[in-house]
Amino acid sequence: MVEQLPSDLYRLALADRSTVLAHVSDRRQNDFLRLLPGDKVEVRLSPQDRRRGRIIRRVQA
């Protein structure tokens, strides 16, 4: 994760050096998932727009 944006959006850097805007999935919002810049997360990209995605979970480094 690169930065936290307003309205619960996050800017993520992918392994291929592209950037994506993502939000936390509904299931994880109820778990009070705290994300900080530098965390590694698993993201599912939207099939319609590859610049948008949903954060599924935080990956332990």
C-alpha atoms as a PDB file:
ATOM      1  CA  MET A   1       0.000   0.000   0.000  1.00  0.00           C
ATOM      2  CA  VAL A   2       1.362   3.391  -0.978  1.00  0.00           C
ATOM      3  CA  GLU A   3      -1.057   5.871   0.614  1.00  0.00           C
ATOM      4  CA  GLN A   4      -4.416   6.206   2.317  1.00  0.00           C
ATOM      5  CA  LEU A   5      -6.898   8.516   0.594  1.00  0.00           C
ATOM      6  CA  PRO A   6     -10.176  10.064   1.813  1.00  0.00           C
ATOM      7  CA  SER A   7     -13.426   8.041   1.695  1.00  0.00           C
ATOM      8  CA  ASP A   8     -11.705   4.749   2.650  1.00  0.00           C
ATOM      9  CA  LEU A   9      -9.770   4.521  -0.609  1.00  0.00           C
ATOM     10  CA  TYR A  10      -6.191   3.303  -0.831  1.00  0.00           C
ATOM     11  CA  ARG A  11      -3.559   3.707  -3.543  1.00  0.00           C
ATOM     12  CA  LEU A  12      -1.702   0.452  -4.114  1.00  0.00           C
ATOM     13  CA  ALA A  13       1.443  -0.344  -6.076  1.00  0.00           C
ATOM     14  CA  LEU A  14       1.319  -3.720  -7.823  1.00  0.00           C
ATOM     15  CA  ALA A  15       4.230  -6.026  -8.554  1.00  0.00           C
ATOM     16  CA  ASP A  16       4.322  -4.845 -12.198  1.00  0.00           C
ATOM     17  CA  ARG A  17       4.797  -1.233 -10.941  1.00  0.00           C
ATOM     18  CA  SER A  18       1.289  -0.062 -11.892  1.00  0.00           C
ATOM     19  CA  THR A  19      -0.924   1.772  -9.406  1.00  0.00           C
ATOM     20  CA  VAL A  20      -4.489   0.885  -8.465  1.00  0.00           C
ATOM     21  CA  LEU A  21      -7.211   2.568  -6.412  1.00  0.00           C
ATOM     22  CA  ALA A  22      -8.832   0.099  -4.026  1.00  0.00           C
ATOM     23  CA  HIS A  23     -11.305  -0.054  -1.179  1.00  0.00           C
ATOM     24  CA  VAL A  24     -11.669  -2.602   1.621  1.00  0.00           C
ATOM     25  CA  SER A  25     -14.191  -5.372   0.943  1.00  0.00           C
ATOM     26  CA  ASP A  26     -17.428  -5.288   2.954  1.00  0.00           C
ATOM     27  CA  ARG A  27     -16.480  -8.419   4.850  1.00  0.00           C
ATOM     28  CA  ARG A  28     -13.204  -6.893   6.059  1.00  0.00           C
ATOM     29  CA  GLN A  29     -14.683  -3.520   7.030  1.00  0.00           C
ATOM     30  CA  ASN A  30     -16.536  -5.240   9.867  1.00  0.00           C
ATOM     31  CA  ASP A  31     -13.255  -6.744  11.142  1.00  0.00           C
ATOM     32  CA  PHE A  32     -11.766  -3.254  11.743  1.00  0.00           C
ATOM     33  CA  LEU A  33      -8.857  -3.954   9.428  1.00  0.00           C
ATOM     34  CA  ARG A  34      -6.217  -1.265   9.999  1.00  0.00           C
ATOM     35  CA  LEU A  35      -3.999  -0.643   7.002  1.00  0.00           C
ATOM     36  CA  LEU A  36      -0.874   1.472   7.076  1.00  0.00           C
ATOM     37  CA  PRO A  37       1.395   2.587   4.218  1.00  0.00           C
ATOM     38  CA  GLY A  38       3.907  -0.152   3.534  1.00  0.00           C
ATOM     39  CA  ASP A  39       1.534  -3.043   4.324  1.00  0.00           C
ATOM     40  CA  LYS A  40       1.257  -5.842   1.806  1.00  0.00           C
ATOM     41  CA  VAL A  41      -2.321  -6.696   0.838  1.00  0.00           C
ATOM     42  CA  GLU A  42      -4.118  -9.117  -1.446  1.00  0.00           C
ATOM     43  CA  VAL A  43      -6.277  -7.272  -3.959  1.00  0.00           C
ATOM     44  CA  ARG A  44      -8.890  -8.457  -6.457  1.00  0.00           C
ATOM     45  CA  LEU A  45      -8.998  -6.264  -9.574  1.00  0.00           C
ATOM     46  CA  SER A  46     -12.242  -5.269 -11.233  1.00  0.00           C
ATOM     47  CA  PRO A  47     -12.843  -7.020 -14.563  1.00  0.00           C
ATOM     48  CA  GLN A  48     -14.304  -3.821 -16.070  1.00  0.00           C
ATOM     49  CA  ASP A  49     -11.598  -1.370 -14.942  1.00  0.00           C
ATOM     50  CA  ARG A  50      -8.107  -2.687 -14.150  1.00  0.00           C
ATOM     51  CA  ARG A  51      -7.255   0.544 -12.291  1.00  0.00           C
ATOM     52  CA  ARG A  52      -9.796  -0.229  -9.519  1.00  0.00           C
ATOM     53  CA  GLY A  53      -9.837  -3.068  -7.014  1.00  0.00           C
ATOM     54  CA  ARG A  54     -10.981  -4.476  -3.697  1.00  0.00           C
ATOM     55  CA  ILE A  55      -8.668  -5.292  -0.793  1.00  0.00           C
ATOM     56  CA  ILE A  56      -9.351  -8.862   0.311  1.00  0.00           C
ATOM     57  CA  ARG A  57      -6.870  -9.262   3.165  1.00  0.00           C
ATOM     58  CA  ARG A  58      -3.552  -8.117   4.581  1.00  0.00           C
ATOM     59  CA  VAL A  59      -0.635 -10.451   3.867  1.00  0.00           C
ATOM     60  CA  GLN A  60       1.812 -11.218   6.667  1.00  0.00           C
ATOM     61  CA  ALA A  61       5.343 -10.339   5.555  1.00  0.00           C
END
